Amino acid sequence: YLVIASVLAWGLGDAAAALVGKRFGRHFIVGKLIEGRKSLEGTLAMFAVSFVSVIVVLIAYGAVKWYGYAPIAIITAAVCAVVELYTKNGMDTLTCPLAAAATMIPLVRLLGV
C-alpha cells in the first residue's frame, strides 16, 4: 500500500500541479534552485491532491490507527510538494515517489496498527 500511496501522491499530485499552475498560476515562486516557472497555486494543488491520495490509501488499507491518517498524509504531502518544487530536469518522476515512501515508512511504523 505504501507503493500505491507514493505513486498516487506523485502521479495525481504532479498532474494537478501542472493543470492548476498553468490555468490559475498567478504567483510564481522564484529561487536559484527552482527550475522553470512554478506557481504557488500549482504547488498547493500538489499538496492538496497528494494529501487526499495518501489519506484515501491509508483508510482503504487500514494501515494505521485512525489518529494516524491526517498526520501521515499532511507530512507526506508537504514533502511531495517541496520535492516537486525543487526537482530539476523532470526527475520528479523518480524523486517524488521515493521521497513519499521514505517519509511514510517511519511514520507508519510509528503510528501503525
PDB file of N, CA and C in Angstrom:
ATOM      1  N   TYR A   1       0.815  -1.208   0.000  1.00  0.00           N
ATOM      2  CA  TYR A   1       0.000   0.000   0.000  1.00  0.00           C
ATOM      3  C   TYR A   1       0.855   1.267   0.000  1.00  0.00           C
ATOM      4  N   LEU A   2       2.065   1.200   0.544  1.00  0.00           N
ATOM      5  CA  LEU A   2       2.935   2.378   0.531  1.00  0.00           C
ATOM      6  C   LEU A   2       3.372   2.736  -0.880  1.00  0.00           C
ATOM      7  N   VAL A   3       3.585   1.725  -1.703  1.00  0.00           N
ATOM      8  CA  VAL A   3       3.945   1.983  -3.101  1.00  0.00           C
ATOM      9  C   VAL A   3       2.773   2.647  -3.813  1.00  0.00           C
ATOM     10  N   ILE A   4       1.580   2.131  -3.581  1.00  0.00           N
ATOM     11  CA  ILE A   4       0.384   2.708  -4.205  1.00  0.00           C
ATOM     12  C   ILE A   4       0.211   4.163  -3.763  1.00  0.00           C
ATOM     13  N   ALA A   5       0.318   4.402  -2.467  1.00  0.00           N
ATOM     14  CA  ALA A   5       0.165   5.767  -1.955  1.00  0.00           C
ATOM     15  C   ALA A   5       1.235   6.695  -2.519  1.00  0.00           C
ATOM     16  N   SER A   6       2.462   6.206  -2.609  1.00  0.00           N
ATOM     17  CA  SER A   6       3.562   7.030  -3.131  1.00  0.00           C
ATOM     18  C   SER A   6       3.356   7.393  -4.591  1.00  0.00           C
ATOM     19  N   VAL A   7       2.985   6.408  -5.392  1.00  0.00           N
ATOM     20  CA  VAL A   7       2.799   6.651  -6.826  1.00  0.00           C
ATOM     21  C   VAL A   7       1.581   7.541  -7.071  1.00  0.00           C
ATOM     22  N   LEU A   8       0.514   7.328  -6.321  1.00  0.00           N
ATOM     23  CA  LEU A   8      -0.667   8.187  -6.480  1.00  0.00           C
ATOM     24  C   LEU A   8      -0.377   9.617  -6.031  1.00  0.00           C
ATOM     25  N   ALA A   9       0.346   9.764  -4.928  1.00  0.00           N
ATOM     26  CA  ALA A   9       0.689  11.111  -4.454  1.00  0.00           C
ATOM     27  C   ALA A   9       1.483  11.855  -5.514  1.00  0.00           C
ATOM     28  N   TRP A  10       2.436  11.171  -6.132  1.00  0.00           N
ATOM     29  CA  TRP A  10       3.223  11.818  -7.178  1.00  0.00           C
ATOM     30  C   TRP A  10       2.403  12.012  -8.451  1.00  0.00           C
ATOM     31  N   GLY A  11       1.800  10.937  -8.963  1.00  0.00           N
ATOM     32  CA  GLY A  11       1.133  10.991 -10.262  1.00  0.00           C
ATOM     33  C   GLY A  11      -0.037  11.952 -10.301  1.00  0.00           C
ATOM     34  N   LEU A  12      -0.940  11.811  -9.368  1.00  0.00           N
ATOM     35  CA  LEU A  12      -2.107  12.691  -9.339  1.00  0.00           C
ATOM     36  C   LEU A  12      -1.722  14.100  -8.903  1.00  0.00           C
ATOM     37  N   GLY A  13      -0.817  14.179  -7.933  1.00  0.00           N
ATOM     38  CA  GLY A  13      -0.381  15.488  -7.460  1.00  0.00           C
ATOM     39  C   GLY A  13       0.357  16.278  -8.519  1.00  0.00           C
ATOM     40  N   ASP A  14       1.241  15.616  -9.254  1.00  0.00           N
ATOM     41  CA  ASP A  14       2.007  16.288 -10.307  1.00  0.00           C
ATOM     42  C   ASP A  14       1.087  16.751 -11.432  1.00  0.00           C
ATOM     43  N   ALA A  15       0.126  15.913 -11.787  1.00  0.00           N
ATOM     44  CA  ALA A  15      -0.833  16.295 -12.832  1.00  0.00           C
ATOM     45  C   ALA A  15      -1.662  17.497 -12.382  1.00  0.00           C
ATOM     46  N   ALA A  16      -2.121  17.471 -11.135  1.00  0.00           N
ATOM     47  CA  ALA A  16      -2.901  18.595 -10.609  1.00  0.00           C
ATOM     48  C   ALA A  16      -2.060  19.868 -10.561  1.00  0.00           C
ATOM     49  N   ALA A  17      -0.805  19.734 -10.164  1.00  0.00           N
ATOM     50  CA  ALA A  17       0.081  20.901 -10.098  1.00  0.00           C
ATOM     51  C   ALA A  17       0.254  21.529 -11.475  1.00  0.00           C
ATOM     52  N   ALA A  18       0.437  20.694 -12.477  1.00  0.00           N
ATOM     53  CA  ALA A  18       0.621  21.211 -13.839  1.00  0.00           C
ATOM     54  C   ALA A  18      -0.650  21.894 -14.341  1.00  0.00           C
ATOM     55  N   LEU A  19      -1.785  21.235 -14.163  1.00  0.00           N
ATOM     56  CA  LEU A  19      -3.044  21.796 -14.659  1.00  0.00           C
ATOM     57  C   LEU A  19      -3.427  23.084 -13.935  1.00  0.00           C
ATOM     58  N   VAL A  20      -3.373  23.049 -12.623  1.00  0.00           N
ATOM     59  CA  VAL A  20      -3.741  24.229 -11.834  1.00  0.00           C
ATOM     60  C   VAL A  20      -2.725  25.347 -12.050  1.00  0.00           C
ATOM     61  N   GLY A  21      -1.450  24.997 -12.085  1.00  0.00           N
ATOM     62  CA  GLY A  21      -0.417  26.006 -12.288  1.00  0.00           C
ATOM     63  C   GLY A  21      -0.542  26.716 -13.619  1.00  0.00           C
ATOM     64  N   LYS A  22      -0.842  25.959 -14.672  1.00  0.00           N
ATOM     65  CA  LYS A  22      -0.988  26.569 -15.998  1.00  0.00           C
ATOM     66  C   LYS A  22      -2.257  27.422 -16.091  1.00  0.00           C
ATOM     67  N   ARG A  23      -3.330  26.948 -15.495  1.00  0.00           N
ATOM     68  CA  ARG A  23      -4.616  27.633 -15.620  1.00  0.00           C
ATOM     69  C   ARG A  23      -4.772  28.797 -14.642  1.00  0.00           C
ATOM     70  N   PHE A  24      -4.392  28.558 -13.394  1.00  0.00           N
ATOM     71  CA  PHE A  24      -4.657  29.544 -12.349  1.00  0.00           C
ATOM     72  C   PHE A  24      -3.399  30.175 -11.759  1.00  0.00           C
ATOM     73  N   GLY A  25      -2.232  29.760 -12.217  1.00  0.00           N
ATOM     74  CA  GLY A  25      -0.976  30.244 -11.650  1.00  0.00           C
ATOM     75  C   GLY A  25      -0.767  31.735 -11.842  1.00  0.00           C
ATOM     76  N   ARG A  26      -0.761  32.480 -10.764  1.00  0.00           N
ATOM     77  CA  ARG A  26      -0.562  33.924 -10.810  1.00  0.00           C
ATOM     78  C   ARG A  26       0.634  34.359  -9.958  1.00  0.00           C
ATOM     79  N   HIS A  27       0.944  33.563  -8.948  1.00  0.00           N
ATOM     80  CA  HIS A  27       2.011  33.906  -8.009  1.00  0.00           C
ATOM     81  C   HIS A  27       3.168  32.931  -8.221  1.00  0.00           C
ATOM     82  N   PHE A  28       4.183  33.384  -8.919  1.00  0.00           N
ATOM     83  CA  PHE A  28       5.285  32.498  -9.276  1.00  0.00           C
ATOM     84  C   PHE A  28       6.367  32.505  -8.205  1.00  0.00           C
ATOM     85  N   ILE A  29       6.903  31.325  -7.965  1.00  0.00           N
ATOM     86  CA  ILE A  29       7.933  31.136  -6.953  1.00  0.00           C
ATOM     87  C   ILE A  29       9.282  31.250  -7.651  1.00  0.00           C
ATOM     88  N   VAL A  30      10.110  32.140  -7.143  1.00  0.00           N
ATOM     89  CA  VAL A  30      11.411  32.389  -7.755  1.00  0.00           C
ATOM     90  C   VAL A  30      12.502  31.956  -6.785  1.00  0.00           C
ATOM     91  N   GLY A  31      13.499  31.275  -7.320  1.00  0.00           N
ATOM     92  CA  GLY A  31      14.629  30.868  -6.498  1.00  0.00           C
ATOM     93  C   GLY A  31      15.723  30.281  -7.360  1.00  0.00           C
ATOM     94  N   LYS A  32      16.934  30.304  -6.852  1.00  0.00           N
ATOM     95  CA  LYS A  32      18.069  29.775  -7.601  1.00  0.00           C
ATOM     96  C   LYS A  32      17.922  28.286  -7.879  1.00  0.00           C
ATOM     97  N   LEU A  33      17.316  27.568  -6.968  1.00  0.00           N
ATOM     98  CA  LEU A  33      17.210  26.121  -7.101  1.00  0.00           C
ATOM     99  C   LEU A  33      15.926  25.665  -7.791  1.00  0.00           C
ATOM    100  N   ILE A  34      15.073  26.594  -8.164  1.00  0.00           N
ATOM    101  CA  ILE A  34      13.803  26.246  -8.798  1.00  0.00           C
ATOM    102  C   ILE A  34      13.943  26.393 -10.302  1.00  0.00           C
ATOM    103  N   GLU A  35      13.633  25.314 -11.001  1.00  0.00           N
ATOM    104  CA  GLU A  35      13.753  25.302 -12.458  1.00  0.00           C
ATOM    105  C   GLU A  35      12.407  25.615 -13.096  1.00  0.00           C
ATOM    106  N   GLY A  36      12.394  26.490 -14.074  1.00  0.00           N
ATOM    107  CA  GLY A  36      11.166  26.802 -14.797  1.00  0.00           C
ATOM    108  C   GLY A  36      10.257  27.719 -14.004  1.00  0.00           C
ATOM    109  N   ARG A  37       9.016  27.794 -14.477  1.00  0.00           N
ATOM    110  CA  ARG A  37       8.014  28.647 -13.825  1.00  0.00           C
ATOM    111  C   ARG A  37       7.110  27.784 -12.955  1.00  0.00           C
ATOM    112  N   LYS A  38       7.317  27.864 -11.675  1.00  0.00           N
ATOM    113  CA  LYS A  38       6.489  27.130 -10.724  1.00  0.00           C
ATOM    114  C   LYS A  38       5.643  28.146  -9.977  1.00  0.00           C
ATOM    115  N   SER A  39       4.369  27.817  -9.828  1.00  0.00           N
ATOM    116  CA  SER A  39       3.464  28.753  -9.163  1.00  0.00           C
ATOM    117  C   SER A  39       3.068  28.243  -7.788  1.00  0.00           C
ATOM    118  N   LEU A  40       2.714  29.179  -6.940  1.00  0.00           N
ATOM    119  CA  LEU A  40       2.216  28.840  -5.613  1.00  0.00           C
ATOM    120  C   LEU A  40       0.938  28.017  -5.739  1.00  0.00           C
ATOM    121  N   GLU A  41       0.088  28.381  -6.685  1.00  0.00           N
ATOM    122  CA  GLU A  41      -1.181  27.668  -6.883  1.00  0.00           C
ATOM    123  C   GLU A  41      -0.929  26.211  -7.287  1.00  0.00           C
ATOM    124  N   GLY A  42       0.029  25.990  -8.170  1.00  0.00           N
ATOM    125  CA  GLY A  42       0.368  24.631  -8.587  1.00  0.00           C
ATOM    126  C   GLY A  42       0.950  23.815  -7.447  1.00  0.00           C
ATOM    127  N   THR A  43       1.795  24.445  -6.650  1.00  0.00           N
ATOM    128  CA  THR A  43       2.396  23.759  -5.506  1.00  0.00           C
ATOM    129  C   THR A  43       1.334  23.398  -4.471  1.00  0.00           C
ATOM    130  N   LEU A  44       0.379  24.298  -4.242  1.00  0.00           N
ATOM    131  CA  LEU A  44      -0.713  23.995  -3.310  1.00  0.00           C
ATOM    132  C   LEU A  44      -1.609  22.884  -3.844  1.00  0.00           C
ATOM    133  N   ALA A  45      -1.797  22.844  -5.158  1.00  0.00           N
ATOM    134  CA  ALA A  45      -2.570  21.751  -5.766  1.00  0.00           C
ATOM    135  C   ALA A  45      -1.847  20.429  -5.563  1.00  0.00           C
ATOM    136  N   MET A  46      -0.535  20.430  -5.724  1.00  0.00           N
ATOM    137  CA  MET A  46       0.265  19.227  -5.481  1.00  0.00           C
ATOM    138  C   MET A  46       0.071  18.758  -4.045  1.00  0.00           C
ATOM    139  N   PHE A  47       0.134  19.684  -3.103  1.00  0.00           N
ATOM    140  CA  PHE A  47      -0.051  19.348  -1.698  1.00  0.00           C
ATOM    141  C   PHE A  47      -1.438  18.761  -1.448  1.00  0.00           C
ATOM    142  N   ALA A  48      -2.475  19.439  -1.935  1.00  0.00           N
ATOM    143  CA  ALA A  48      -3.854  19.018  -1.666  1.00  0.00           C
ATOM    144  C   ALA A  48      -4.157  17.649  -2.259  1.00  0.00           C
ATOM    145  N   VAL A  49      -3.772  17.427  -3.499  1.00  0.00           N
ATOM    146  CA  VAL A  49      -4.079  16.151  -4.156  1.00  0.00           C
ATOM    147  C   VAL A  49      -3.233  15.027  -3.562  1.00  0.00           C
ATOM    148  N   SER A  50      -1.991  15.309  -3.215  1.00  0.00           N
ATOM    149  CA  SER A  50      -1.156  14.300  -2.555  1.00  0.00           C
ATOM    150  C   SER A  50      -1.749  13.926  -1.200  1.00  0.00           C
ATOM    151  N   PHE A  51      -2.215  14.918  -0.459  1.00  0.00           N
ATOM    152  CA  PHE A  51      -2.846  14.669   0.839  1.00  0.00           C
ATOM    153  C   PHE A  51      -4.040  13.732   0.688  1.00  0.00           C
ATOM    154  N   VAL A  52      -4.922  14.053  -0.238  1.00  0.00           N
ATOM    155  CA  VAL A  52      -6.119  13.233  -0.448  1.00  0.00           C
ATOM    156  C   VAL A  52      -5.732  11.826  -0.899  1.00  0.00           C
ATOM    157  N   SER A  53      -4.786  11.711  -1.804  1.00  0.00           N
ATOM    158  CA  SER A  53      -4.357  10.403  -2.306  1.00  0.00           C
ATOM    159  C   SER A  53      -3.831   9.527  -1.176  1.00  0.00           C
ATOM    160  N   VAL A  54      -2.959  10.089  -0.356  1.00  0.00           N
ATOM    161  CA  VAL A  54      -2.359   9.313   0.732  1.00  0.00           C
ATOM    162  C   VAL A  54      -3.410   8.926   1.760  1.00  0.00           C
ATOM    163  N   ILE A  55      -4.267   9.844   2.135  1.00  0.00           N
ATOM    164  CA  ILE A  55      -5.250   9.539   3.173  1.00  0.00           C
ATOM    165  C   ILE A  55      -6.254   8.486   2.690  1.00  0.00           C
ATOM    166  N   VAL A  56      -6.637   8.542   1.420  1.00  0.00           N
ATOM    167  CA  VAL A  56      -7.564   7.541   0.870  1.00  0.00           C
ATOM    168  C   VAL A  56      -6.927   6.152   0.903  1.00  0.00           C
ATOM    169  N   VAL A  57      -5.672   6.050   0.511  1.00  0.00           N
ATOM    170  CA  VAL A  57      -4.998   4.747   0.520  1.00  0.00           C
ATOM    171  C   VAL A  57      -4.844   4.234   1.949  1.00  0.00           C
ATOM    172  N   LEU A  58      -4.458   5.090   2.875  1.00  0.00           N
ATOM    173  CA  LEU A  58      -4.302   4.655   4.264  1.00  0.00           C
ATOM    174  C   LEU A  58      -5.621   4.165   4.845  1.00  0.00           C
ATOM    175  N   ILE A  59      -6.698   4.857   4.549  1.00  0.00           N
ATOM    176  CA  ILE A  59      -8.010   4.432   5.043  1.00  0.00           C
ATOM    177  C   ILE A  59      -8.435   3.134   4.375  1.00  0.00           C
ATOM    178  N   ALA A  60      -8.248   3.042   3.068  1.00  0.00           N
ATOM    179  CA  ALA A  60      -8.669   1.848   2.325  1.00  0.00           C
ATOM    180  C   ALA A  60      -7.941   0.594   2.795  1.00  0.00           C
ATOM    181  N   TYR A  61      -6.672   0.728   3.124  1.00  0.00           N
ATOM    182  CA  TYR A  61      -5.894  -0.432   3.542  1.00  0.00           C
ATOM    183  C   TYR A  61      -5.881  -0.624   5.047  1.00  0.00           C
ATOM    184  N   GLY A  62      -6.444   0.297   5.793  1.00  0.00           N
ATOM    185  CA  GLY A  62      -6.462   0.178   7.249  1.00  0.00           C
ATOM    186  C   GLY A  62      -5.063   0.035   7.823  1.00  0.00           C
ATOM    187  N   ALA A  63      -4.134   0.756   7.235  1.00  0.00           N
ATOM    188  CA  ALA A  63      -2.725   0.580   7.547  1.00  0.00           C
ATOM    189  C   ALA A  63      -2.323   1.147   8.904  1.00  0.00           C
ATOM    190  N   VAL A  64      -3.028   2.154   9.346  1.00  0.00           N
ATOM    191  CA  VAL A  64      -2.670   2.792  10.612  1.00  0.00           C
ATOM    192  C   VAL A  64      -3.929   3.028  11.432  1.00  0.00           C
ATOM    193  N   LYS A  65      -3.720   3.346  12.682  1.00  0.00           N
ATOM    194  CA  LYS A  65      -4.855   3.684  13.537  1.00  0.00           C
ATOM    195  C   LYS A  65      -5.466   4.995  13.054  1.00  0.00           C
ATOM    196  N   TRP A  66      -6.711   5.233  13.388  1.00  0.00           N
ATOM    197  CA  TRP A  66      -7.454   6.372  12.857  1.00  0.00           C
ATOM    198  C   TRP A  66      -6.767   7.708  13.108  1.00  0.00           C
ATOM    199  N   TYR A  67      -6.086   7.843  14.226  1.00  0.00           N
ATOM    200  CA  TYR A  67      -5.449   9.122  14.534  1.00  0.00           C
ATOM    201  C   TYR A  67      -4.158   9.349  13.740  1.00  0.00           C
ATOM    202  N   GLY A  68      -3.716   8.354  12.992  1.00  0.00           N
ATOM    203  CA  GLY A  68      -2.500   8.499  12.205  1.00  0.00           C
ATOM    204  C   GLY A  68      -2.721   8.955  10.781  1.00  0.00           C
ATOM    205  N   TYR A  69      -3.962   8.879  10.307  1.00  0.00           N
ATOM    206  CA  TYR A  69      -4.236   9.227   8.902  1.00  0.00           C
ATOM    207  C   TYR A  69      -3.787  10.643   8.546  1.00  0.00           C
ATOM    208  N   ALA A  70      -4.305  11.613   9.261  1.00  0.00           N
ATOM    209  CA  ALA A  70      -4.042  13.014   8.908  1.00  0.00           C
ATOM    210  C   ALA A  70      -2.574  13.406   9.063  1.00  0.00           C
ATOM    211  N   PRO A  71      -1.914  13.082  10.187  1.00  0.00           N
ATOM    212  CA  PRO A  71      -0.509  13.486  10.295  1.00  0.00           C
ATOM    213  C   PRO A  71       0.379  12.883   9.203  1.00  0.00           C
ATOM    214  N   ILE A  72       0.176  11.614   8.903  1.00  0.00           N
ATOM    215  CA  ILE A  72       0.980  10.973   7.861  1.00  0.00           C
ATOM    216  C   ILE A  72       0.705  11.622   6.514  1.00  0.00           C
ATOM    217  N   ALA A  73      -0.559  11.861   6.209  1.00  0.00           N
ATOM    218  CA  ALA A  73      -0.915  12.450   4.918  1.00  0.00           C
ATOM    219  C   ALA A  73      -0.415  13.886   4.799  1.00  0.00           C
ATOM    220  N   ILE A  74      -0.506  14.666   5.856  1.00  0.00           N
ATOM    221  CA  ILE A  74      -0.047  16.060   5.818  1.00  0.00           C
ATOM    222  C   ILE A  74       1.465  16.128   5.616  1.00  0.00           C
ATOM    223  N   ILE A  75       2.198  15.357   6.383  1.00  0.00           N
ATOM    224  CA  ILE A  75       3.663  15.388   6.278  1.00  0.00           C
ATOM    225  C   ILE A  75       4.116  14.877   4.917  1.00  0.00           C
ATOM    226  N   THR A  76       3.522  13.777   4.455  1.00  0.00           N
ATOM    227  CA  THR A  76       3.896  13.221   3.153  1.00  0.00           C
ATOM    228  C   THR A  76       3.560  14.189   2.027  1.00  0.00           C
ATOM    229  N   ALA A  77       2.403  14.807   2.082  1.00  0.00           N
ATOM    230  CA  ALA A  77       2.012  15.766   1.043  1.00  0.00           C
ATOM    231  C   ALA A  77       2.943  16.972   1.027  1.00  0.00           C
ATOM    232  N   ALA A  78       3.335  17.444   2.198  1.00  0.00           N
ATOM    233  CA  ALA A  78       4.262  18.576   2.263  1.00  0.00           C
ATOM    234  C   ALA A  78       5.613  18.210   1.660  1.00  0.00           C
ATOM    235  N   VAL A  79       6.101  17.025   1.976  1.00  0.00           N
ATOM    236  CA  VAL A  79       7.377  16.571   1.409  1.00  0.00           C
ATOM    237  C   VAL A  79       7.269  16.458  -0.105  1.00  0.00           C
ATOM    238  N   CYS A  80       6.182  15.877  -0.603  1.00  0.00           N
ATOM    239  CA  CYS A  80       5.990  15.745  -2.054  1.00  0.00           C
ATOM    240  C   CYS A  80       5.960  17.108  -2.738  1.00  0.00           C
ATOM    241  N   ALA A  81       5.264  18.059  -2.152  1.00  0.00           N
ATOM    242  CA  ALA A  81       5.165  19.393  -2.754  1.00  0.00           C
ATOM    243  C   ALA A  81       6.524  20.079  -2.813  1.00  0.00           C
ATOM    244  N   VAL A  82       7.297  19.965  -1.750  1.00  0.00           N
ATOM    245  CA  VAL A  82       8.619  20.594  -1.720  1.00  0.00           C
ATOM    246  C   VAL A  82       9.573  19.899  -2.686  1.00  0.00           C
ATOM    247  N   VAL A  83       9.542  18.572  -2.705  1.00  0.00           N
ATOM    248  CA  VAL A  83      10.421  17.825  -3.616  1.00  0.00           C
ATOM    249  C   VAL A  83      10.075  18.152  -5.062  1.00  0.00           C
ATOM    250  N   GLU A  84       8.795  18.216  -5.389  1.00  0.00           N
ATOM    251  CA  GLU A  84       8.385  18.545  -6.757  1.00  0.00           C
ATOM    252  C   GLU A  84       8.815  19.958  -7.129  1.00  0.00           C
ATOM    253  N   LEU A  85       8.761  20.855  -6.187  1.00  0.00           N
ATOM    254  CA  LEU A  85       9.134  22.247  -6.436  1.00  0.00           C
ATOM    255  C   LEU A  85      10.621  22.385  -6.775  1.00  0.00           C
ATOM    256  N   TYR A  86      11.467  21.634  -6.102  1.00  0.00           N
ATOM    257  CA  TYR A  86      12.912  21.793  -6.261  1.00  0.00           C
ATOM    258  C   TYR A  86      13.578  20.795  -7.206  1.00  0.00           C
ATOM    259  N   THR A  87      12.867  19.762  -7.635  1.00  0.00           N
ATOM    260  CA  THR A  87      13.479  18.769  -8.515  1.00  0.00           C
ATOM    261  C   THR A  87      13.652  19.333  -9.918  1.00  0.00           C
ATOM    262  N   LYS A  88      14.805  19.059 -10.515  1.00  0.00           N
ATOM    263  CA  LYS A  88      15.124  19.598 -11.846  1.00  0.00           C
ATOM    264  C   LYS A  88      15.062  18.514 -12.915  1.00  0.00           C
ATOM    265  N   ASN A  89      15.015  18.957 -14.155  1.00  0.00           N
ATOM    266  CA  ASN A  89      15.096  18.090 -15.338  1.00  0.00           C
ATOM    267  C   ASN A  89      14.021  17.012 -15.379  1.00  0.00           C
ATOM    268  N   GLY A  90      12.859  17.259 -14.836  1.00  0.00           N
ATOM    269  CA  GLY A  90      11.778  16.285 -14.882  1.00  0.00           C
ATOM    270  C   GLY A  90      12.019  15.048 -14.045  1.00  0.00           C
ATOM    271  N   MET A  91      12.975  15.108 -13.143  1.00  0.00           N
ATOM    272  CA  MET A  91      13.309  13.946 -12.319  1.00  0.00           C
ATOM    273  C   MET A  91      12.315  13.712 -11.184  1.00  0.00           C
ATOM    274  N   ASP A  92      11.274  14.549 -11.093  1.00  0.00           N
ATOM    275  CA  ASP A  92      10.280  14.341 -10.040  1.00  0.00           C
ATOM    276  C   ASP A  92       9.548  13.019 -10.211  1.00  0.00           C
ATOM    277  N   THR A  93       9.611  12.452 -11.409  1.00  0.00           N
ATOM    278  CA  THR A  93       9.035  11.133 -11.645  1.00  0.00           C
ATOM    279  C   THR A  93       9.689  10.101 -10.735  1.00  0.00           C
ATOM    280  N   LEU A  94      10.929  10.303 -10.432  1.00  0.00           N
ATOM    281  CA  LEU A  94      11.672   9.403  -9.555  1.00  0.00           C
ATOM    282  C   LEU A  94      11.698   9.916  -8.117  1.00  0.00           C
ATOM    283  N   THR A  95      11.980  11.192  -7.955  1.00  0.00           N
ATOM    284  CA  THR A  95      12.207  11.712  -6.610  1.00  0.00           C
ATOM    285  C   THR A  95      10.948  11.811  -5.752  1.00  0.00           C
ATOM    286  N   CYS A  96       9.822  12.155  -6.341  1.00  0.00           N
ATOM    287  CA  CYS A  96       8.595  12.307  -5.541  1.00  0.00           C
ATOM    288  C   CYS A  96       8.106  10.992  -4.932  1.00  0.00           C
ATOM    289  N   PRO A  97       7.963   9.914  -5.722  1.00  0.00           N
ATOM    290  CA  PRO A  97       7.533   8.664  -5.092  1.00  0.00           C
ATOM    291  C   PRO A  97       8.530   8.145  -4.056  1.00  0.00           C
ATOM    292  N   LEU A  98       9.827   8.303  -4.336  1.00  0.00           N
ATOM    293  CA  LEU A  98      10.831   7.856  -3.369  1.00  0.00           C
ATOM    294  C   LEU A  98      10.766   8.677  -2.084  1.00  0.00           C
ATOM    295  N   ALA A  99      10.611   9.976  -2.216  1.00  0.00           N
ATOM    296  CA  ALA A  99      10.502  10.834  -1.035  1.00  0.00           C
ATOM    297  C   ALA A  99       9.231  10.523  -0.249  1.00  0.00           C
ATOM    298  N   ALA A 100       8.140  10.266  -0.960  1.00  0.00           N
ATOM    299  CA  ALA A 100       6.882   9.924  -0.285  1.00  0.00           C
ATOM    300  C   ALA A 100       7.027   8.621   0.496  1.00  0.00           C
ATOM    301  N   ALA A 101       7.619   7.617  -0.130  1.00  0.00           N
ATOM    302  CA  ALA A 101       7.813   6.332   0.548  1.00  0.00           C
ATOM    303  C   ALA A 101       8.760   6.487   1.735  1.00  0.00           C
ATOM    304  N   ALA A 102       9.850   7.219   1.534  1.00  0.00           N
ATOM    305  CA  ALA A 102      10.817   7.426   2.613  1.00  0.00           C
ATOM    306  C   ALA A 102      10.205   8.202   3.776  1.00  0.00           C
ATOM    307  N   THR A 103       9.217   9.006   3.500  1.00  0.00           N
ATOM    308  CA  THR A 103       8.521   9.750   4.550  1.00  0.00           C
ATOM    309  C   THR A 103       7.508   8.863   5.266  1.00  0.00           C
ATOM    310  N   MET A 104       6.757   8.086   4.489  1.00  0.00           N
ATOM    311  CA  MET A 104       5.683   7.284   5.080  1.00  0.00           C
ATOM    312  C   MET A 104       6.178   6.085   5.875  1.00  0.00           C
ATOM    313  N   ILE A 105       7.259   5.456   5.453  1.00  0.00           N
ATOM    314  CA  ILE A 105       7.719   4.235   6.129  1.00  0.00           C
ATOM    315  C   ILE A 105       7.935   4.457   7.629  1.00  0.00           C
ATOM    316  N   PRO A 106       8.734   5.435   8.046  1.00  0.00           N
ATOM    317  CA  PRO A 106       8.892   5.609   9.500  1.00  0.00           C
ATOM    318  C   PRO A 106       7.619   6.097  10.193  1.00  0.00           C
ATOM    319  N   LEU A 107       6.822   6.910   9.497  1.00  0.00           N
ATOM    320  CA  LEU A 107       5.590   7.401  10.112  1.00  0.00           C
ATOM    321  C   LEU A 107       4.585   6.271  10.326  1.00  0.00           C
ATOM    322  N   VAL A 108       4.474   5.369   9.357  1.00  0.00           N
ATOM    323  CA  VAL A 108       3.560   4.231   9.505  1.00  0.00           C
ATOM    324  C   VAL A 108       4.054   3.307  10.610  1.00  0.00           C
ATOM    325  N   ARG A 109       5.355   3.108  10.693  1.00  0.00           N
ATOM    326  CA  ARG A 109       5.902   2.277  11.775  1.00  0.00           C
ATOM    327  C   ARG A 109       5.622   2.914  13.138  1.00  0.00           C
ATOM    328  N   LEU A 110       5.724   4.225  13.186  1.00  0.00           N
ATOM    329  CA  LEU A 110       5.493   4.941  14.437  1.00  0.00           C
ATOM    330  C   LEU A 110       4.019   4.936  14.835  1.00  0.00           C
ATOM    331  N   LEU A 111       3.131   5.170  13.862  1.00  0.00           N
ATOM    332  CA  LEU A 111       1.698   5.298  14.145  1.00  0.00           C
ATOM    333  C   LEU A 111       0.884   4.097  13.686  1.00  0.00           C
ATOM    334  N   GLY A 112       1.551   3.033  13.252  1.00  0.00           N
ATOM    335  CA  GLY A 112       0.875   1.878  12.660  1.00  0.00           C
ATOM    336  C   GLY A 112       0.031   1.088  13.630  1.00  0.00           C
ATOM    337  N   VAL A 113      -0.627   0.098  13.060  1.00  0.00           N
ATOM    338  CA  VAL A 113      -1.547  -0.752  13.821  1.00  0.00           C
ATOM    339  C   VAL A 113      -0.784  -1.608  14.797  1.00  0.00           C
TER     340      VAL A 113
END
